[in-house]
PDB file of N, CA and C in Angstrom:
ATOM      1  N   UNK A   1     -10.806 -28.509  27.011  1.00  0.00           N
ATOM      2  CA  UNK A   1     -11.037 -29.497  25.783  1.00  0.00           C
ATOM      3  C   UNK A   1     -11.139 -28.586  24.730  1.00  0.00           C
ATOM      4  N   UNK A   2     -12.039 -29.484  23.935  1.00  0.00           N
ATOM      5  CA  UNK A   2     -11.997 -29.352  22.390  1.00  0.00           C
ATOM      6  C   UNK A   2     -13.361 -28.177  22.491  1.00  0.00           C
ATOM      7  N   UNK A   3     -14.047 -27.921  23.003  1.00  0.00           N
ATOM      8  CA  UNK A   3     -14.644 -26.510  23.064  1.00  0.00           C
ATOM      9  C   UNK A   3     -14.508 -25.765  23.244  1.00  0.00           C
ATOM     10  N   UNK A   4     -12.952 -25.582  23.732  1.00  0.00           N
ATOM     11  CA  UNK A   4     -12.598 -23.688  24.298  1.00  0.00           C
ATOM     12  C   UNK A   4     -11.662 -23.319  22.856  1.00  0.00           C
ATOM     13  N   UNK A   5     -11.146 -24.473  22.013  1.00  0.00           N
ATOM     14  CA  UNK A   5     -10.438 -24.678  20.513  1.00  0.00           C
ATOM     15  C   UNK A   5     -11.298 -24.183  19.909  1.00  0.00           C
ATOM     16  N   UNK A   6     -12.783 -24.371  19.637  1.00  0.00           N
ATOM     17  CA  UNK A   6     -13.874 -24.291  18.012  1.00  0.00           C
ATOM     18  C   UNK A   6     -13.763 -22.831  19.352  1.00  0.00           C
ATOM     19  N   UNK A   7     -14.248 -22.704  20.212  1.00  0.00           N
ATOM     20  CA  UNK A   7     -14.564 -20.782  20.865  1.00  0.00           C
ATOM     21  C   UNK A   7     -13.517 -19.330  20.682  1.00  0.00           C
ATOM     22  N   UNK A   8     -11.809 -20.302  20.811  1.00  0.00           N
ATOM     23  CA  UNK A   8     -11.122 -19.335  20.285  1.00  0.00           C
ATOM     24  C   UNK A   8     -11.138 -19.103  18.863  1.00  0.00           C
ATOM     25  N   UNK A   9     -10.882 -20.418  18.683  1.00  0.00           N
ATOM     26  CA  UNK A   9     -10.989 -19.905  16.569  1.00  0.00           C
ATOM     27  C   UNK A   9     -11.824 -19.448  16.434  1.00  0.00           C
ATOM     28  N   UNK A  10     -13.338 -19.327  16.680  1.00  0.00           N
ATOM     29  CA  UNK A  10     -14.129 -18.627  15.788  1.00  0.00           C
ATOM     30  C   UNK A  10     -14.550 -16.867  16.710  1.00  0.00           C
ATOM     31  N   UNK A  11     -13.713 -17.133  17.496  1.00  0.00           N
ATOM     32  CA  UNK A  11     -13.269 -15.768  18.275  1.00  0.00           C
ATOM     33  C   UNK A  11     -12.379 -15.338  17.130  1.00  0.00           C
ATOM     34  N   UNK A  12     -11.220 -15.950  16.965  1.00  0.00           N
ATOM     35  CA  UNK A  12     -10.335 -15.296  16.205  1.00  0.00           C
ATOM     36  C   UNK A  12     -10.265 -14.958  14.892  1.00  0.00           C
ATOM     37  N   UNK A  13     -11.206 -15.628  14.313  1.00  0.00           N
ATOM     38  CA  UNK A  13     -12.292 -15.222  13.086  1.00  0.00           C
ATOM     39  C   UNK A  13     -13.054 -14.215  12.773  1.00  0.00           C
ATOM     40  N   UNK A  14     -13.305 -14.105  13.737  1.00  0.00           N
ATOM     41  CA  UNK A  14     -14.192 -12.969  13.756  1.00  0.00           C
ATOM     42  C   UNK A  14     -13.506 -11.960  14.110  1.00  0.00           C
ATOM     43  N   UNK A  15     -12.926 -11.589  15.066  1.00  0.00           N
ATOM     44  CA  UNK A  15     -11.551 -10.261  14.869  1.00  0.00           C
ATOM     45  C   UNK A  15     -10.494 -10.460  14.447  1.00  0.00           C
ATOM     46  N   UNK A  16     -10.270 -11.522  13.335  1.00  0.00           N
ATOM     47  CA  UNK A  16      -9.501 -11.510  12.204  1.00  0.00           C
ATOM     48  C   UNK A  16     -10.296 -10.472  10.353  1.00  0.00           C
ATOM     49  N   UNK A  17     -11.653 -10.860  11.539  1.00  0.00           N
ATOM     50  CA  UNK A  17     -12.201 -10.382   9.881  1.00  0.00           C
ATOM     51  C   UNK A  17     -12.589  -9.221  10.518  1.00  0.00           C
ATOM     52  N   UNK A  18     -12.969  -8.369  10.600  1.00  0.00           N
ATOM     53  CA  UNK A  18     -13.461  -7.402  11.647  1.00  0.00           C
ATOM     54  C   UNK A  18     -11.726  -6.106  11.702  1.00  0.00           C
ATOM     55  N   UNK A  19     -11.006  -7.306  11.833  1.00  0.00           N
ATOM     56  CA  UNK A  19      -9.358  -6.416  11.671  1.00  0.00           C
ATOM     57  C   UNK A  19      -8.940  -5.882  10.411  1.00  0.00           C
ATOM     58  N   UNK A  20      -9.414  -6.909   9.017  1.00  0.00           N
ATOM     59  CA  UNK A  20      -9.056  -6.757   7.959  1.00  0.00           C
ATOM     60  C   UNK A  20     -10.157  -6.081   7.459  1.00  0.00           C
ATOM     61  N   UNK A  21     -10.775  -5.800   7.578  1.00  0.00           N
ATOM     62  CA  UNK A  21     -11.863  -5.114   6.816  1.00  0.00           C
ATOM     63  C   UNK A  21     -11.904  -2.949   7.243  1.00  0.00           C
ATOM     64  N   UNK A  22     -11.020  -3.484   8.932  1.00  0.00           N
ATOM     65  CA  UNK A  22     -10.628  -2.239   9.350  1.00  0.00           C
ATOM     66  C   UNK A  22      -9.492  -1.228   8.701  1.00  0.00           C
ATOM     67  N   UNK A  23      -8.510  -2.360   8.105  1.00  0.00           N
ATOM     68  CA  UNK A  23      -7.642  -1.854   7.420  1.00  0.00           C
ATOM     69  C   UNK A  23      -7.892  -1.705   6.220  1.00  0.00           C
ATOM     70  N   UNK A  24      -8.857  -2.469   4.952  1.00  0.00           N
ATOM     71  CA  UNK A  24      -8.850  -1.920   3.999  1.00  0.00           C
ATOM     72  C   UNK A  24      -9.943  -0.976   4.361  1.00  0.00           C
ATOM     73  N   UNK A  25     -10.471  -0.520   4.361  1.00  0.00           N
ATOM     74  CA  UNK A  25     -11.662   0.685   4.807  1.00  0.00           C
ATOM     75  C   UNK A  25     -10.230   2.582   4.829  1.00  0.00           C
ATOM     76  N   UNK A  26      -9.269   2.100   5.751  1.00  0.00           N
ATOM     77  CA  UNK A  26      -8.337   2.907   5.819  1.00  0.00           C
ATOM     78  C   UNK A  26      -7.649   3.339   5.130  1.00  0.00           C
ATOM     79  N   UNK A  27      -6.991   2.295   4.447  1.00  0.00           N
ATOM     80  CA  UNK A  27      -6.391   2.647   2.888  1.00  0.00           C
ATOM     81  C   UNK A  27      -7.812   2.515   2.076  1.00  0.00           C
ATOM     82  N   UNK A  28      -8.451   2.416   1.893  1.00  0.00           N
ATOM     83  CA  UNK A  28      -9.496   3.007   0.918  1.00  0.00           C
ATOM     84  C   UNK A  28      -9.950   4.126   1.301  1.00  0.00           C
ATOM     85  N   UNK A  29      -9.219   4.892   2.198  1.00  0.00           N
ATOM     86  CA  UNK A  29     -10.052   6.292   2.989  1.00  0.00           C
ATOM     87  C   UNK A  29      -8.331   6.625   2.329  1.00  0.00           C
ATOM     88  N   UNK A  30      -7.418   6.321   1.934  1.00  0.00           N
ATOM     89  CA  UNK A  30      -6.518   7.716   2.020  1.00  0.00           C
ATOM     90  C   UNK A  30      -6.108   7.590   1.062  1.00  0.00           C
ATOM     91  N   UNK A  31      -6.555   6.543   0.543  1.00  0.00           N
ATOM     92  CA  UNK A  31      -6.096   6.208  -1.263  1.00  0.00           C
ATOM     93  C   UNK A  31      -7.329   7.372  -1.917  1.00  0.00           C
ATOM     94  N   UNK A  32      -8.553   7.509  -1.493  1.00  0.00           N
ATOM     95  CA  UNK A  32      -9.680   8.281  -2.275  1.00  0.00           C
ATOM     96  C   UNK A  32      -8.917   9.472  -1.837  1.00  0.00           C
ATOM     97  N   UNK A  33      -8.603   9.850  -0.529  1.00  0.00           N
ATOM     98  CA  UNK A  33      -7.822  11.677  -0.513  1.00  0.00           C
ATOM     99  C   UNK A  33      -6.840  11.706  -1.014  1.00  0.00           C
ATOM    100  N   UNK A  34      -5.949  11.213  -1.567  1.00  0.00           N
ATOM    101  CA  UNK A  34      -4.936  10.826  -2.243  1.00  0.00           C
ATOM    102  C   UNK A  34      -5.087  11.402  -3.659  1.00  0.00           C
ATOM    103  N   UNK A  35      -5.821  10.665  -4.087  1.00  0.00           N
ATOM    104  CA  UNK A  35      -6.661  10.534  -5.521  1.00  0.00           C
ATOM    105  C   UNK A  35      -7.133  12.403  -5.276  1.00  0.00           C
ATOM    106  N   UNK A  36      -8.227  12.541  -4.564  1.00  0.00           N
ATOM    107  CA  UNK A  36      -8.800  13.926  -4.769  1.00  0.00           C
ATOM    108  C   UNK A  36      -8.171  14.728  -4.785  1.00  0.00           C
ATOM    109  N   UNK A  37      -6.852  15.016  -4.089  1.00  0.00           N
ATOM    110  CA  UNK A  37      -6.030  15.949  -4.195  1.00  0.00           C
ATOM    111  C   UNK A  37      -4.918  15.924  -5.375  1.00  0.00           C
ATOM    112  N   UNK A  38      -4.594  15.092  -5.849  1.00  0.00           N
ATOM    113  CA  UNK A  38      -4.658  14.795  -7.530  1.00  0.00           C
ATOM    114  C   UNK A  38      -5.592  15.462  -8.045  1.00  0.00           C
ATOM    115  N   UNK A  39      -6.463  14.885  -7.941  1.00  0.00           N
ATOM    116  CA  UNK A  39      -7.826  15.652  -9.074  1.00  0.00           C
ATOM    117  C   UNK A  39      -7.850  17.443  -8.608  1.00  0.00           C
ATOM    118  N   UNK A  40      -7.644  18.027  -8.221  1.00  0.00           N
ATOM    119  CA  UNK A  40      -7.599  19.347  -7.694  1.00  0.00           C
ATOM    120  C   UNK A  40      -6.184  20.112  -8.180  1.00  0.00           C
ATOM    121  N   UNK A  41      -4.655  19.542  -7.698  1.00  0.00           N
ATOM    122  CA  UNK A  41      -3.763  19.742  -8.305  1.00  0.00           C
ATOM    123  C   UNK A  41      -3.044  18.707  -9.300  1.00  0.00           C
ATOM    124  N   UNK A  42      -3.580  19.183 -10.535  1.00  0.00           N
ATOM    125  CA  UNK A  42      -2.903  18.435 -11.838  1.00  0.00           C
ATOM    126  C   UNK A  42      -1.752  18.837 -11.874  1.00  0.00           C
ATOM    127  N   UNK A  43      -1.399  20.352 -12.329  1.00  0.00           N
ATOM    128  CA  UNK A  43       0.371  20.616 -12.466  1.00  0.00           C
ATOM    129  C   UNK A  43       1.455  20.019 -11.873  1.00  0.00           C
ATOM    130  N   UNK A  44       0.770  19.651  -9.726  1.00  0.00           N
ATOM    131  CA  UNK A  44       2.153  18.779  -9.900  1.00  0.00           C
ATOM    132  C   UNK A  44       2.242  17.875  -9.793  1.00  0.00           C
ATOM    133  N   UNK A  45       1.362  16.991 -10.584  1.00  0.00           N
ATOM    134  CA  UNK A  45       1.760  15.488 -11.405  1.00  0.00           C
ATOM    135  C   UNK A  45       1.721  15.624 -12.890  1.00  0.00           C
ATOM    136  N   UNK A  46       2.448  16.672 -13.335  1.00  0.00           N
ATOM    137  CA  UNK A  46       2.560  16.303 -14.029  1.00  0.00           C
ATOM    138  C   UNK A  46       3.405  15.255 -14.957  1.00  0.00           C
ATOM    139  N   UNK A  47       3.291  14.444 -16.247  1.00  0.00           N
ATOM    140  CA  UNK A  47       4.332  13.067 -16.339  1.00  0.00           C
ATOM    141  C   UNK A  47       5.399  14.340 -16.991  1.00  0.00           C
ATOM    142  N   UNK A  48       6.777  13.392 -16.853  1.00  0.00           N
ATOM    143  CA  UNK A  48       8.003  14.113 -17.371  1.00  0.00           C
ATOM    144  C   UNK A  48       8.161  14.550 -18.769  1.00  0.00           C
ATOM    145  N   UNK A  49       8.438  15.103 -19.031  1.00  0.00           N
ATOM    146  CA  UNK A  49       8.726  15.057 -20.872  1.00  0.00           C
ATOM    147  C   UNK A  49       9.591  14.042 -21.404  1.00  0.00           C
ATOM    148  N   UNK A  50      10.826  12.906 -21.240  1.00  0.00           N
ATOM    149  CA  UNK A  50      10.784  12.758 -21.849  1.00  0.00           C
ATOM    150  C   UNK A  50      11.348  11.337 -20.790  1.00  0.00           C
ATOM    151  N   UNK A  51      11.202  10.333 -21.060  1.00  0.00           N
ATOM    152  CA  UNK A  51      11.507   8.831 -20.634  1.00  0.00           C
ATOM    153  C   UNK A  51      13.061   8.821 -20.308  1.00  0.00           C
ATOM    154  N   UNK A  52      13.364   8.634 -19.050  1.00  0.00           N
ATOM    155  CA  UNK A  52      15.084   8.614 -18.609  1.00  0.00           C
ATOM    156  C   UNK A  52      15.090   6.599 -19.053  1.00  0.00           C
ATOM    157  N   UNK A  53      15.954   6.413 -19.203  1.00  0.00           N
ATOM    158  CA  UNK A  53      16.326   5.322 -19.397  1.00  0.00           C
ATOM    159  C   UNK A  53      17.001   4.491 -17.932  1.00  0.00           C
ATOM    160  N   UNK A  54      17.387   3.277 -17.674  1.00  0.00           N
ATOM    161  CA  UNK A  54      18.015   2.809 -16.554  1.00  0.00           C
ATOM    162  C   UNK A  54      18.849   2.695 -16.399  1.00  0.00           C
ATOM    163  N   UNK A  55      19.662   2.720 -17.158  1.00  0.00           N
ATOM    164  CA  UNK A  55      21.290   3.169 -16.955  1.00  0.00           C
ATOM    165  C   UNK A  55      21.403   5.047 -16.879  1.00  0.00           C
ATOM    166  N   UNK A  56      20.960   5.950 -16.784  1.00  0.00           N
ATOM    167  CA  UNK A  56      20.869   7.149 -16.852  1.00  0.00           C
ATOM    168  C   UNK A  56      20.050   7.652 -15.185  1.00  0.00           C
ATOM    169  N   UNK A  57      20.025   6.573 -14.706  1.00  0.00           N
ATOM    170  CA  UNK A  57      19.266   6.563 -13.010  1.00  0.00           C
ATOM    171  C   UNK A  57      19.667   5.377 -12.385  1.00  0.00           C
ATOM    172  N   UNK A  58      21.071   4.876 -13.034  1.00  0.00           N
ATOM    173  CA  UNK A  58      21.680   4.538 -11.527  1.00  0.00           C
ATOM    174  C   UNK A  58      23.224   4.293 -11.918  1.00  0.00           C
ATOM    175  N   UNK A  59      23.935   4.688 -10.512  1.00  0.00           N
ATOM    176  CA  UNK A  59      25.321   4.758 -10.724  1.00  0.00           C
ATOM    177  C   UNK A  59      26.276   3.742 -11.174  1.00  0.00           C
ATOM    178  N   UNK A  60      27.131   4.416 -11.946  1.00  0.00           N
ATOM    179  CA  UNK A  60      28.545   3.466 -12.657  1.00  0.00           C
ATOM    180  C   UNK A  60      28.850   2.327 -11.509  1.00  0.00           C
ATOM    181  N   UNK A  61      29.251   1.066 -11.535  1.00  0.00           N
ATOM    182  CA  UNK A  61      29.673   0.489 -10.667  1.00  0.00           C
ATOM    183  C   UNK A  61      31.317   0.380 -11.355  1.00  0.00           C
ATOM    184  N   UNK A  62      31.440   0.456  -9.528  1.00  0.00           N
ATOM    185  CA  UNK A  62      33.052   0.162  -9.418  1.00  0.00           C
ATOM    186  C   UNK A  62      33.706  -0.775  -8.384  1.00  0.00           C
ATOM    187  N   UNK A  63      33.674  -1.839  -8.779  1.00  0.00           N
ATOM    188  CA  UNK A  63      34.602  -3.247  -7.767  1.00  0.00           C
ATOM    189  C   UNK A  63      35.180  -2.401  -6.768  1.00  0.00           C
ATOM    190  N   UNK A  64      35.274  -2.726  -5.512  1.00  0.00           N
ATOM    191  CA  UNK A  64      36.019  -2.873  -4.495  1.00  0.00           C
ATOM    192  C   UNK A  64      37.457  -2.600  -5.029  1.00  0.00           C
ATOM    193  N   UNK A  65      37.529  -3.963  -4.763  1.00  0.00           N
ATOM    194  CA  UNK A  65      38.883  -4.782  -5.429  1.00  0.00           C
ATOM    195  C   UNK A  65      39.656  -4.114  -6.487  1.00  0.00           C
TER     196      UNK A  65
END
């Protein structure tokens, strides 16, 4: 009956809430580790001296026909 639907809906909300919280925690942990690595190794992450234009990054288009 309706009591089972309410029970499963509330159970789904509870489980979903905790899964989202765990996922956010895991992503925050990875971000924290990456930012710490970047902070300790700044020479590996130097900005490029000159910016490339989009035309320099893409290959020329040659149609097949």
